[in-house]
Amino acid sequence: MRRLLFSLLCLSFALPVSAQTPTPVTGAALLPGDVVSVDIWREPDLSGQFIIDEDGEVTLPLLGTLLVTGIDTGELRDQLIEQYNEYLVNTSVNVVLLRRVNVLGEVRMPGQYTVDATQSVADLIARAQGITQEANADDIRLLRGGQVTRANLNGTLTLNSAGIRSGDQIFVGRRSWLSRNFQSLVGIGTIIANVAVIVTR
């Protein structure tokens, strides 16, 4: 019995660490509709913002068309450095993922905005000049294809962590009728109360 327990204990220590540790996620994958901002040091003609088309391809100066969906910005940067090294010396490349997101509802300037995917939902709403006086700051929804995929979206979440993709809609809801008209109702109630006091004298 002791030998059996000892054998099981040894076997547990012999298990590979990789089987017990989940593989970390390196970054958000590039998707059709996204924009990649490519900045190549001292090469303004090769730098710029480039849209990933519906086939998952992006067209870059000198390199032509590349399939980029499914990889993250770090992998794309390494790929660009390797390929641009055929044309440049000491290539330095920076790649930033931008999402194109529609901001609708109770915001001051509804529309489509292209923002860094590491920015927060609150930053995105700020790009739309913030919420209106009638907005419900606790009712921020993520819509995709006309369907609500996430309700009560936390403004501190980044676009990446919230799972927001290009083409999505961020919708800011409106406060209830009672909430929007509470002060007016209080004023009317006060007037009615004052009139009642005068009449009953």
N, C-alpha and C. Protein backbone atom coordinates (compact mmCIF):
# COMPACT_ATOMS: atom_id res chain seq x y z
N MET A 1 0.83 -1.21 0.00
CA MET A 1 0.00 0.00 0.00
C MET A 1 0.87 1.26 0.00
N ARG A 2 1.94 1.21 0.83
CA ARG A 2 2.83 2.36 0.87
C ARG A 2 3.52 2.57 -0.46
N ARG A 3 3.92 1.45 -1.09
CA ARG A 3 4.58 1.55 -2.40
C ARG A 3 3.65 2.17 -3.44
N LEU A 4 2.36 1.81 -3.39
CA LEU A 4 1.39 2.35 -4.34
C LEU A 4 1.23 3.85 -4.14
N LEU A 5 1.12 4.30 -2.88
CA LEU A 5 0.99 5.73 -2.60
C LEU A 5 2.22 6.49 -3.05
N PHE A 6 3.40 5.88 -2.81
CA PHE A 6 4.65 6.53 -3.22
C PHE A 6 4.74 6.68 -4.74
N SER A 7 4.28 5.63 -5.46
CA SER A 7 4.31 5.66 -6.92
C SER A 7 3.38 6.75 -7.46
N LEU A 8 2.17 6.86 -6.86
CA LEU A 8 1.23 7.89 -7.30
C LEU A 8 1.76 9.28 -7.03
N LEU A 9 2.44 9.46 -5.90
CA LEU A 9 3.01 10.76 -5.56
C LEU A 9 4.10 11.15 -6.54
N CYS A 10 4.94 10.21 -6.89
CA CYS A 10 6.01 10.47 -7.87
C CYS A 10 5.44 10.82 -9.23
N LEU A 11 4.36 10.12 -9.60
CA LEU A 11 3.74 10.36 -10.89
C LEU A 11 3.16 11.76 -10.97
N SER A 12 2.57 12.24 -9.85
CA SER A 12 1.98 13.58 -9.86
C SER A 12 3.04 14.65 -10.04
N PHE A 13 4.25 14.44 -9.47
CA PHE A 13 5.33 15.41 -9.63
C PHE A 13 5.92 15.34 -11.03
N ALA A 14 5.74 14.22 -11.68
CA ALA A 14 6.33 14.03 -13.00
C ALA A 14 5.49 14.64 -14.11
N LEU A 15 4.26 15.08 -13.78
CA LEU A 15 3.41 15.67 -14.81
C LEU A 15 4.03 16.94 -15.35
N PRO A 16 3.99 17.17 -16.66
CA PRO A 16 4.58 18.38 -17.23
C PRO A 16 3.84 19.62 -16.78
N VAL A 17 4.59 20.70 -16.53
CA VAL A 17 3.99 21.95 -16.07
C VAL A 17 3.06 22.54 -17.11
N SER A 18 3.41 22.38 -18.39
CA SER A 18 2.61 22.97 -19.47
C SER A 18 1.20 22.43 -19.48
N ALA A 19 1.00 21.21 -19.01
CA ALA A 19 -0.34 20.63 -19.02
C ALA A 19 -1.22 21.25 -17.96
N GLN A 20 -0.61 21.90 -16.95
CA GLN A 20 -1.37 22.49 -15.87
C GLN A 20 -1.52 23.99 -16.03
N THR A 21 -0.74 24.62 -16.92
CA THR A 21 -0.74 26.07 -17.09
C THR A 21 -1.39 26.44 -18.42
N PRO A 22 -2.47 27.26 -18.42
CA PRO A 22 -3.11 27.65 -19.67
C PRO A 22 -2.20 28.54 -20.51
N THR A 23 -2.34 28.44 -21.81
CA THR A 23 -1.54 29.27 -22.71
C THR A 23 -2.02 30.71 -22.66
N PRO A 24 -1.14 31.69 -22.38
CA PRO A 24 -1.57 33.08 -22.28
C PRO A 24 -1.97 33.64 -23.64
N VAL A 25 -2.93 34.58 -23.64
CA VAL A 25 -3.35 35.25 -24.86
C VAL A 25 -2.43 36.43 -25.09
N THR A 26 -1.82 36.53 -26.26
CA THR A 26 -0.82 37.57 -26.51
C THR A 26 -1.44 38.88 -26.92
N GLY A 27 -2.63 38.89 -27.48
CA GLY A 27 -3.24 40.14 -27.90
C GLY A 27 -4.50 39.88 -28.70
N ALA A 28 -5.18 41.00 -29.07
CA ALA A 28 -6.42 40.89 -29.82
C ALA A 28 -6.11 40.58 -31.28
N ALA A 29 -6.84 39.64 -31.87
CA ALA A 29 -6.62 39.25 -33.25
C ALA A 29 -7.16 40.31 -34.20
N LEU A 30 -6.47 40.50 -35.30
CA LEU A 30 -6.92 41.42 -36.35
C LEU A 30 -8.10 40.79 -37.10
N LEU A 31 -9.10 41.61 -37.41
CA LEU A 31 -10.31 41.14 -38.06
C LEU A 31 -10.68 42.03 -39.24
N PRO A 32 -11.45 41.50 -40.20
CA PRO A 32 -11.93 42.34 -41.30
C PRO A 32 -12.66 43.58 -40.77
N GLY A 33 -12.41 44.72 -41.41
CA GLY A 33 -13.01 45.97 -40.97
C GLY A 33 -12.13 46.77 -40.04
N ASP A 34 -11.11 46.11 -39.45
CA ASP A 34 -10.17 46.82 -38.59
C ASP A 34 -9.26 47.72 -39.42
N VAL A 35 -8.61 48.62 -38.72
CA VAL A 35 -7.60 49.48 -39.33
C VAL A 35 -6.28 49.24 -38.60
N VAL A 36 -5.20 49.05 -39.35
CA VAL A 36 -3.89 48.94 -38.73
C VAL A 36 -3.12 50.22 -39.02
N SER A 37 -2.64 50.83 -37.95
CA SER A 37 -1.81 52.02 -38.07
C SER A 37 -0.36 51.58 -38.05
N VAL A 38 0.33 51.76 -39.16
CA VAL A 38 1.72 51.30 -39.31
C VAL A 38 2.63 52.52 -39.34
N ASP A 39 3.58 52.56 -38.43
CA ASP A 39 4.54 53.66 -38.36
C ASP A 39 5.94 53.09 -38.52
N ILE A 40 6.57 53.42 -39.64
CA ILE A 40 7.93 52.95 -39.92
C ILE A 40 8.88 54.13 -39.76
N TRP A 41 9.86 53.95 -38.90
CA TRP A 41 10.77 55.03 -38.54
C TRP A 41 11.47 55.62 -39.77
N ARG A 42 11.33 56.95 -39.90
CA ARG A 42 11.94 57.72 -40.99
C ARG A 42 11.43 57.31 -42.37
N GLU A 43 10.24 56.71 -42.42
CA GLU A 43 9.67 56.31 -43.70
C GLU A 43 8.20 56.75 -43.77
N PRO A 44 7.94 58.05 -43.85
CA PRO A 44 6.54 58.53 -43.87
C PRO A 44 5.74 58.03 -45.06
N ASP A 45 6.42 57.77 -46.19
CA ASP A 45 5.71 57.29 -47.38
C ASP A 45 5.23 55.85 -47.22
N LEU A 46 5.85 55.12 -46.32
CA LEU A 46 5.45 53.74 -46.09
C LEU A 46 4.51 53.61 -44.89
N SER A 47 4.40 54.68 -44.12
CA SER A 47 3.57 54.67 -42.92
C SER A 47 2.15 55.13 -43.24
N GLY A 48 1.22 54.84 -42.34
CA GLY A 48 -0.16 55.28 -42.53
C GLY A 48 -1.15 54.32 -41.88
N GLN A 49 -2.41 54.57 -42.14
CA GLN A 49 -3.49 53.72 -41.63
C GLN A 49 -4.08 52.94 -42.80
N PHE A 50 -4.20 51.62 -42.60
CA PHE A 50 -4.61 50.74 -43.69
C PHE A 50 -5.76 49.85 -43.23
N ILE A 51 -6.81 49.79 -44.05
CA ILE A 51 -8.01 49.03 -43.69
C ILE A 51 -7.85 47.56 -44.10
N ILE A 52 -8.27 46.68 -43.21
CA ILE A 52 -8.31 45.25 -43.52
C ILE A 52 -9.63 44.96 -44.23
N ASP A 53 -9.57 44.43 -45.44
CA ASP A 53 -10.79 44.24 -46.22
C ASP A 53 -11.56 43.01 -45.76
N GLU A 54 -12.69 42.75 -46.42
CA GLU A 54 -13.58 41.66 -46.00
C GLU A 54 -12.95 40.28 -46.17
N ASP A 55 -11.88 40.21 -46.96
CA ASP A 55 -11.17 38.94 -47.13
C ASP A 55 -10.05 38.77 -46.10
N GLY A 56 -9.92 39.76 -45.20
CA GLY A 56 -8.87 39.69 -44.18
C GLY A 56 -7.51 40.10 -44.69
N GLU A 57 -7.48 40.86 -45.78
CA GLU A 57 -6.21 41.27 -46.37
C GLU A 57 -6.01 42.77 -46.25
N VAL A 58 -4.76 43.17 -46.17
CA VAL A 58 -4.40 44.58 -46.12
C VAL A 58 -3.32 44.83 -47.16
N THR A 59 -3.40 45.98 -47.82
CA THR A 59 -2.43 46.32 -48.86
C THR A 59 -1.48 47.38 -48.34
N LEU A 60 -0.19 47.06 -48.32
CA LEU A 60 0.83 47.95 -47.78
C LEU A 60 1.83 48.35 -48.86
N PRO A 61 2.40 49.56 -48.76
CA PRO A 61 3.41 50.00 -49.73
C PRO A 61 4.59 49.04 -49.80
N LEU A 62 5.07 48.79 -50.99
CA LEU A 62 6.18 47.90 -51.30
C LEU A 62 5.84 46.42 -51.14
N LEU A 63 5.08 46.08 -50.11
CA LEU A 63 4.81 44.67 -49.83
C LEU A 63 3.61 44.13 -50.57
N GLY A 64 2.70 45.00 -50.95
CA GLY A 64 1.49 44.54 -51.62
C GLY A 64 0.46 44.02 -50.65
N THR A 65 -0.29 43.01 -51.05
CA THR A 65 -1.40 42.48 -50.26
C THR A 65 -0.94 41.36 -49.33
N LEU A 66 -1.32 41.50 -48.04
CA LEU A 66 -0.96 40.50 -47.04
C LEU A 66 -2.22 40.01 -46.33
N LEU A 67 -2.28 38.71 -46.05
CA LEU A 67 -3.36 38.14 -45.25
C LEU A 67 -2.98 38.30 -43.78
N VAL A 68 -3.81 39.05 -43.02
CA VAL A 68 -3.41 39.38 -41.65
C VAL A 68 -4.42 38.96 -40.59
N THR A 69 -5.59 38.48 -40.97
CA THR A 69 -6.58 38.11 -39.96
C THR A 69 -6.11 36.92 -39.14
N GLY A 70 -6.46 36.95 -37.85
CA GLY A 70 -6.12 35.85 -36.97
C GLY A 70 -4.81 36.03 -36.23
N ILE A 71 -4.02 37.04 -36.62
CA ILE A 71 -2.78 37.32 -35.90
C ILE A 71 -2.96 38.62 -35.12
N ASP A 72 -2.08 38.87 -34.14
CA ASP A 72 -2.18 40.12 -33.39
C ASP A 72 -1.15 41.11 -33.90
N THR A 73 -1.14 42.30 -33.30
CA THR A 73 -0.26 43.37 -33.79
C THR A 73 1.21 43.02 -33.61
N GLY A 74 1.54 42.27 -32.56
CA GLY A 74 2.93 41.89 -32.35
C GLY A 74 3.43 40.98 -33.46
N GLU A 75 2.61 40.02 -33.86
CA GLU A 75 2.98 39.11 -34.94
C GLU A 75 3.09 39.85 -36.27
N LEU A 76 2.16 40.79 -36.49
CA LEU A 76 2.22 41.57 -37.73
C LEU A 76 3.47 42.44 -37.76
N ARG A 77 3.80 43.05 -36.63
CA ARG A 77 5.01 43.88 -36.56
C ARG A 77 6.25 43.06 -36.92
N ASP A 78 6.37 41.88 -36.34
CA ASP A 78 7.53 41.02 -36.64
C ASP A 78 7.57 40.65 -38.12
N GLN A 79 6.40 40.37 -38.68
CA GLN A 79 6.32 40.01 -40.09
C GLN A 79 6.74 41.18 -40.98
N LEU A 80 6.30 42.38 -40.63
CA LEU A 80 6.65 43.56 -41.43
C LEU A 80 8.14 43.89 -41.33
N ILE A 81 8.70 43.74 -40.13
CA ILE A 81 10.14 44.00 -39.97
C ILE A 81 10.94 43.06 -40.86
N GLU A 82 10.55 41.80 -40.86
CA GLU A 82 11.27 40.80 -41.68
C GLU A 82 11.15 41.12 -43.17
N GLN A 83 9.96 41.49 -43.62
CA GLN A 83 9.76 41.73 -45.05
C GLN A 83 10.33 43.08 -45.50
N TYR A 84 10.21 44.10 -44.64
CA TYR A 84 10.75 45.41 -45.02
C TYR A 84 12.27 45.44 -44.95
N ASN A 85 12.89 44.48 -44.25
CA ASN A 85 14.34 44.41 -44.20
C ASN A 85 14.95 44.15 -45.58
N GLU A 86 14.14 43.67 -46.51
CA GLU A 86 14.62 43.47 -47.88
C GLU A 86 14.81 44.79 -48.60
N TYR A 87 14.15 45.84 -48.08
CA TYR A 87 14.22 47.14 -48.74
C TYR A 87 14.87 48.22 -47.88
N LEU A 88 14.85 48.04 -46.56
CA LEU A 88 15.33 49.07 -45.64
C LEU A 88 16.45 48.54 -44.76
N VAL A 89 17.15 49.47 -44.11
CA VAL A 89 18.22 49.11 -43.18
C VAL A 89 17.79 49.48 -41.76
N ASN A 90 18.01 48.58 -40.82
CA ASN A 90 17.63 48.82 -39.41
C ASN A 90 16.15 49.22 -39.29
N THR A 91 15.32 48.38 -39.82
CA THR A 91 13.89 48.68 -39.84
C THR A 91 13.29 48.71 -38.44
N SER A 92 12.55 49.79 -38.14
CA SER A 92 11.82 49.90 -36.87
C SER A 92 10.36 50.15 -37.21
N VAL A 93 9.49 49.23 -36.76
CA VAL A 93 8.07 49.28 -37.12
C VAL A 93 7.22 49.27 -35.86
N ASN A 94 6.21 50.12 -35.83
CA ASN A 94 5.22 50.10 -34.75
C ASN A 94 3.84 49.90 -35.37
N VAL A 95 3.07 48.96 -34.82
CA VAL A 95 1.74 48.65 -35.35
C VAL A 95 0.71 48.82 -34.24
N VAL A 96 -0.35 49.57 -34.53
CA VAL A 96 -1.43 49.78 -33.57
C VAL A 96 -2.74 49.34 -34.20
N LEU A 97 -3.52 48.57 -33.44
CA LEU A 97 -4.82 48.11 -33.92
C LEU A 97 -5.89 49.16 -33.62
N LEU A 98 -6.64 49.55 -34.63
CA LEU A 98 -7.73 50.51 -34.49
C LEU A 98 -9.04 49.82 -34.84
N ARG A 99 -10.07 50.06 -34.03
CA ARG A 99 -11.39 49.53 -34.31
C ARG A 99 -12.29 50.67 -34.82
N ARG A 100 -13.15 50.35 -35.77
CA ARG A 100 -14.13 51.32 -36.27
C ARG A 100 -15.48 50.98 -35.66
N VAL A 101 -15.93 51.84 -34.74
CA VAL A 101 -17.12 51.54 -33.93
C VAL A 101 -18.12 52.69 -34.04
N ASN A 102 -19.39 52.33 -34.15
CA ASN A 102 -20.47 53.34 -34.17
C ASN A 102 -20.93 53.62 -32.75
N VAL A 103 -21.03 54.91 -32.42
CA VAL A 103 -21.53 55.32 -31.11
C VAL A 103 -22.87 56.02 -31.33
N LEU A 104 -23.93 55.45 -30.76
CA LEU A 104 -25.29 55.93 -31.02
C LEU A 104 -26.03 56.15 -29.71
N GLY A 105 -27.26 56.65 -29.84
CA GLY A 105 -28.09 56.88 -28.66
C GLY A 105 -27.88 58.26 -28.09
N GLU A 106 -27.88 58.34 -26.77
CA GLU A 106 -27.82 59.63 -26.08
C GLU A 106 -26.37 60.13 -25.93
N VAL A 107 -25.75 60.41 -27.07
CA VAL A 107 -24.44 61.07 -27.10
C VAL A 107 -24.56 62.34 -27.93
N ARG A 108 -23.67 63.27 -27.72
CA ARG A 108 -23.79 64.58 -28.36
C ARG A 108 -23.47 64.55 -29.86
N MET A 109 -22.57 63.67 -30.26
CA MET A 109 -22.21 63.57 -31.68
C MET A 109 -22.18 62.11 -32.11
N PRO A 110 -23.35 61.52 -32.40
CA PRO A 110 -23.37 60.13 -32.86
C PRO A 110 -22.61 59.97 -34.17
N GLY A 111 -22.01 58.81 -34.36
CA GLY A 111 -21.30 58.55 -35.61
C GLY A 111 -20.31 57.42 -35.45
N GLN A 112 -19.53 57.20 -36.51
CA GLN A 112 -18.51 56.15 -36.49
C GLN A 112 -17.17 56.75 -36.11
N TYR A 113 -16.47 56.07 -35.20
CA TYR A 113 -15.17 56.55 -34.72
C TYR A 113 -14.13 55.45 -34.83
N THR A 114 -12.94 55.85 -35.23
CA THR A 114 -11.82 54.92 -35.33
C THR A 114 -10.91 55.17 -34.16
N VAL A 115 -10.80 54.18 -33.28
CA VAL A 115 -10.07 54.38 -32.02
C VAL A 115 -9.13 53.22 -31.74
N ASP A 116 -8.10 53.52 -30.97
CA ASP A 116 -7.15 52.51 -30.51
C ASP A 116 -7.90 51.48 -29.67
N ALA A 117 -7.70 50.21 -29.98
CA ALA A 117 -8.44 49.15 -29.30
C ALA A 117 -8.07 49.01 -27.83
N THR A 118 -6.98 49.67 -27.38
CA THR A 118 -6.62 49.62 -25.98
C THR A 118 -7.29 50.73 -25.17
N GLN A 119 -8.03 51.63 -25.86
CA GLN A 119 -8.74 52.67 -25.14
C GLN A 119 -10.01 52.11 -24.51
N SER A 120 -10.55 52.85 -23.56
CA SER A 120 -11.72 52.37 -22.83
C SER A 120 -13.02 52.76 -23.54
N VAL A 121 -14.10 52.13 -23.10
CA VAL A 121 -15.43 52.47 -23.62
C VAL A 121 -15.73 53.94 -23.32
N ALA A 122 -15.33 54.41 -22.14
CA ALA A 122 -15.54 55.81 -21.78
C ALA A 122 -14.78 56.75 -22.71
N ASP A 123 -13.57 56.35 -23.11
CA ASP A 123 -12.80 57.15 -24.07
C ASP A 123 -13.53 57.24 -25.41
N LEU A 124 -14.12 56.13 -25.82
CA LEU A 124 -14.86 56.10 -27.08
C LEU A 124 -16.07 57.03 -27.02
N ILE A 125 -16.79 57.00 -25.91
CA ILE A 125 -17.95 57.88 -25.76
C ILE A 125 -17.51 59.34 -25.70
N ALA A 126 -16.35 59.59 -25.11
CA ALA A 126 -15.81 60.95 -25.07
C ALA A 126 -15.52 61.47 -26.47
N ARG A 127 -15.11 60.58 -27.37
CA ARG A 127 -14.88 60.97 -28.76
C ARG A 127 -16.17 61.47 -29.41
N ALA A 128 -17.30 60.95 -28.91
CA ALA A 128 -18.61 61.37 -29.40
C ALA A 128 -19.13 62.57 -28.60
N GLN A 129 -18.19 63.29 -27.95
CA GLN A 129 -18.50 64.50 -27.17
C GLN A 129 -19.31 64.23 -25.91
N GLY A 130 -19.28 63.00 -25.44
CA GLY A 130 -19.93 62.67 -24.17
C GLY A 130 -21.42 62.45 -24.28
N ILE A 131 -22.04 62.17 -23.13
CA ILE A 131 -23.47 61.85 -23.12
C ILE A 131 -24.31 63.11 -22.96
N THR A 132 -25.58 63.02 -23.33
CA THR A 132 -26.50 64.13 -23.20
C THR A 132 -27.08 64.18 -21.78
N GLN A 133 -27.84 65.23 -21.50
CA GLN A 133 -28.46 65.37 -20.17
C GLN A 133 -29.51 64.28 -19.92
N GLU A 134 -30.07 63.74 -20.98
CA GLU A 134 -31.12 62.73 -20.83
C GLU A 134 -30.57 61.31 -20.83
N ALA A 135 -29.26 61.16 -20.91
CA ALA A 135 -28.65 59.83 -21.00
C ALA A 135 -28.66 59.11 -19.66
N ASN A 136 -28.74 57.80 -19.76
CA ASN A 136 -28.59 56.93 -18.59
C ASN A 136 -27.19 56.33 -18.65
N ALA A 137 -26.30 56.83 -17.81
CA ALA A 137 -24.90 56.40 -17.84
C ALA A 137 -24.74 54.93 -17.46
N ASP A 138 -25.76 54.34 -16.85
CA ASP A 138 -25.70 52.93 -16.47
C ASP A 138 -26.29 52.02 -17.54
N ASP A 139 -26.75 52.60 -18.63
CA ASP A 139 -27.36 51.82 -19.71
C ASP A 139 -26.55 52.00 -20.98
N ILE A 140 -25.41 51.30 -21.03
CA ILE A 140 -24.54 51.33 -22.22
C ILE A 140 -24.51 49.91 -22.77
N ARG A 141 -24.98 49.76 -24.01
CA ARG A 141 -25.12 48.43 -24.59
C ARG A 141 -24.22 48.23 -25.80
N LEU A 142 -23.78 47.00 -25.98
CA LEU A 142 -23.01 46.61 -27.15
C LEU A 142 -23.93 45.85 -28.09
N LEU A 143 -24.09 46.38 -29.32
CA LEU A 143 -24.95 45.76 -30.32
C LEU A 143 -24.11 45.26 -31.48
N ARG A 144 -24.48 44.07 -31.96
CA ARG A 144 -23.80 43.48 -33.12
C ARG A 144 -24.85 42.84 -34.00
N GLY A 145 -24.94 43.30 -35.23
CA GLY A 145 -25.94 42.78 -36.14
C GLY A 145 -27.36 43.06 -35.67
N GLY A 146 -27.55 44.18 -34.97
CA GLY A 146 -28.88 44.55 -34.50
C GLY A 146 -29.29 43.87 -33.21
N GLN A 147 -28.42 42.99 -32.67
CA GLN A 147 -28.74 42.27 -31.44
C GLN A 147 -27.85 42.74 -30.29
N VAL A 148 -28.43 42.84 -29.10
CA VAL A 148 -27.65 43.22 -27.93
C VAL A 148 -26.80 42.03 -27.50
N THR A 149 -25.50 42.19 -27.55
CA THR A 149 -24.59 41.11 -27.14
C THR A 149 -24.06 41.33 -25.73
N ARG A 150 -24.19 42.57 -25.24
CA ARG A 150 -23.74 42.85 -23.87
C ARG A 150 -24.48 44.08 -23.36
N ALA A 151 -25.11 43.96 -22.20
CA ALA A 151 -25.83 45.08 -21.59
C ALA A 151 -25.05 45.61 -20.39
N ASN A 152 -25.39 46.83 -19.99
CA ASN A 152 -24.74 47.46 -18.83
C ASN A 152 -23.21 47.41 -18.97
N LEU A 153 -22.73 47.85 -20.11
CA LEU A 153 -21.30 47.81 -20.39
C LEU A 153 -20.55 48.77 -19.48
N ASN A 154 -19.50 48.29 -18.86
CA ASN A 154 -18.69 49.10 -17.95
C ASN A 154 -17.78 50.02 -18.75
N GLY A 155 -17.86 51.31 -18.47
CA GLY A 155 -17.08 52.28 -19.23
C GLY A 155 -15.59 52.17 -19.05
N THR A 156 -15.14 51.51 -17.97
CA THR A 156 -13.71 51.39 -17.72
C THR A 156 -13.07 50.26 -18.53
N LEU A 157 -13.88 49.40 -19.12
CA LEU A 157 -13.33 48.31 -19.93
C LEU A 157 -12.70 48.85 -21.20
N THR A 158 -11.61 48.23 -21.63
CA THR A 158 -11.05 48.58 -22.93
C THR A 158 -11.88 47.91 -24.03
N LEU A 159 -11.73 48.42 -25.26
CA LEU A 159 -12.44 47.80 -26.37
C LEU A 159 -12.04 46.34 -26.52
N ASN A 160 -10.76 46.04 -26.29
CA ASN A 160 -10.29 44.66 -26.38
C ASN A 160 -10.95 43.78 -25.33
N SER A 161 -10.91 44.21 -24.07
CA SER A 161 -11.44 43.38 -22.99
C SER A 161 -12.96 43.27 -23.05
N ALA A 162 -13.62 44.25 -23.66
CA ALA A 162 -15.07 44.19 -23.80
C ALA A 162 -15.49 43.37 -25.01
N GLY A 163 -14.52 42.93 -25.82
CA GLY A 163 -14.82 42.13 -27.01
C GLY A 163 -15.44 42.93 -28.14
N ILE A 164 -15.18 44.24 -28.18
CA ILE A 164 -15.77 45.10 -29.21
C ILE A 164 -14.98 44.97 -30.51
N ARG A 165 -15.71 44.77 -31.61
CA ARG A 165 -15.11 44.60 -32.93
C ARG A 165 -15.47 45.78 -33.83
N SER A 166 -14.76 45.90 -34.93
CA SER A 166 -15.14 46.89 -35.93
C SER A 166 -16.51 46.55 -36.48
N GLY A 167 -17.35 47.57 -36.65
CA GLY A 167 -18.72 47.36 -37.12
C GLY A 167 -19.73 47.27 -36.00
N ASP A 168 -19.26 47.10 -34.75
CA ASP A 168 -20.17 47.05 -33.60
C ASP A 168 -20.75 48.43 -33.32
N GLN A 169 -21.80 48.44 -32.52
CA GLN A 169 -22.43 49.68 -32.09
C GLN A 169 -22.42 49.76 -30.58
N ILE A 170 -22.03 50.92 -30.08
CA ILE A 170 -22.17 51.22 -28.65
C ILE A 170 -23.36 52.15 -28.52
N PHE A 171 -24.38 51.71 -27.80
CA PHE A 171 -25.63 52.47 -27.67
C PHE A 171 -25.81 52.94 -26.23
N VAL A 172 -25.96 54.25 -26.06
CA VAL A 172 -26.19 54.83 -24.74
C VAL A 172 -27.69 55.09 -24.60
N GLY A 173 -28.31 54.47 -23.60
CA GLY A 173 -29.75 54.57 -23.41
C GLY A 173 -30.18 55.89 -22.77
N ARG A 174 -31.49 56.07 -22.71
CA ARG A 174 -32.08 57.28 -22.13
C ARG A 174 -32.67 56.97 -20.76
N ARG A 175 -32.60 57.95 -19.87
CA ARG A 175 -33.22 57.78 -18.56
C ARG A 175 -34.73 57.65 -18.71
N SER A 176 -35.38 57.05 -17.74
CA SER A 176 -36.84 56.86 -17.77
C SER A 176 -37.55 58.21 -17.77
N TRP A 177 -38.83 58.20 -18.21
CA TRP A 177 -39.61 59.44 -18.26
C TRP A 177 -39.70 60.06 -16.87
N LEU A 178 -39.89 59.24 -15.85
CA LEU A 178 -40.00 59.74 -14.48
C LEU A 178 -38.70 60.40 -14.04
N SER A 179 -37.59 59.76 -14.35
CA SER A 179 -36.29 60.30 -13.97
C SER A 179 -36.01 61.62 -14.67
N ARG A 180 -36.39 61.70 -15.96
CA ARG A 180 -36.12 62.91 -16.74
C ARG A 180 -37.02 64.07 -16.33
N ASN A 181 -38.20 63.78 -15.80
CA ASN A 181 -39.18 64.83 -15.48
C ASN A 181 -39.41 64.98 -13.98
N PHE A 182 -38.54 64.39 -13.18
CA PHE A 182 -38.75 64.40 -11.73
C PHE A 182 -38.81 65.82 -11.16
N GLN A 183 -37.86 66.66 -11.57
CA GLN A 183 -37.83 68.02 -11.04
C GLN A 183 -39.09 68.80 -11.41
N SER A 184 -39.54 68.60 -12.64
CA SER A 184 -40.78 69.28 -13.07
C SER A 184 -41.97 68.81 -12.25
N LEU A 185 -42.04 67.51 -12.00
CA LEU A 185 -43.15 66.97 -11.22
C LEU A 185 -43.11 67.48 -9.78
N VAL A 186 -41.90 67.62 -9.25
CA VAL A 186 -41.77 68.17 -7.90
C VAL A 186 -42.27 69.60 -7.87
N GLY A 187 -41.91 70.37 -8.91
CA GLY A 187 -42.36 71.75 -8.99
C GLY A 187 -43.87 71.86 -9.08
N ILE A 188 -44.46 71.00 -9.93
CA ILE A 188 -45.92 71.00 -10.07
C ILE A 188 -46.58 70.59 -8.76
N GLY A 189 -46.01 69.59 -8.10
CA GLY A 189 -46.55 69.14 -6.82
C GLY A 189 -46.52 70.24 -5.77
N THR A 190 -45.43 71.00 -5.78
CA THR A 190 -45.30 72.11 -4.83
C THR A 190 -46.36 73.17 -5.08
N ILE A 191 -46.58 73.48 -6.36
CA ILE A 191 -47.60 74.48 -6.71
C ILE A 191 -48.99 74.02 -6.27
N ILE A 192 -49.29 72.74 -6.57
CA ILE A 192 -50.60 72.19 -6.19
C ILE A 192 -50.77 72.23 -4.68
N ALA A 193 -49.71 71.89 -3.94
CA ALA A 193 -49.77 71.90 -2.48
C ALA A 193 -50.02 73.31 -1.96
N ASN A 194 -49.35 74.30 -2.57
CA ASN A 194 -49.53 75.69 -2.14
C ASN A 194 -50.95 76.18 -2.42
N VAL A 195 -51.47 75.80 -3.60
CA VAL A 195 -52.83 76.20 -3.96
C VAL A 195 -53.82 75.56 -3.00
N ALA A 196 -53.58 74.30 -2.65
CA ALA A 196 -54.49 73.61 -1.73
C ALA A 196 -54.50 74.28 -0.36
N VAL A 197 -53.33 74.74 0.07
CA VAL A 197 -53.25 75.42 1.37
C VAL A 197 -54.03 76.72 1.36
N ILE A 198 -53.89 77.47 0.24
CA ILE A 198 -54.61 78.76 0.12
C ILE A 198 -56.12 78.54 0.08
N VAL A 199 -56.57 77.53 -0.66
CA VAL A 199 -58.00 77.27 -0.83
C VAL A 199 -58.63 76.84 0.48
N THR A 200 -57.91 76.07 1.28
CA THR A 200 -58.46 75.54 2.52
C THR A 200 -58.42 76.52 3.69
N ARG A 201 -57.84 77.68 3.46
CA ARG A 201 -57.78 78.67 4.55
C ARG A 201 -59.14 79.32 4.76
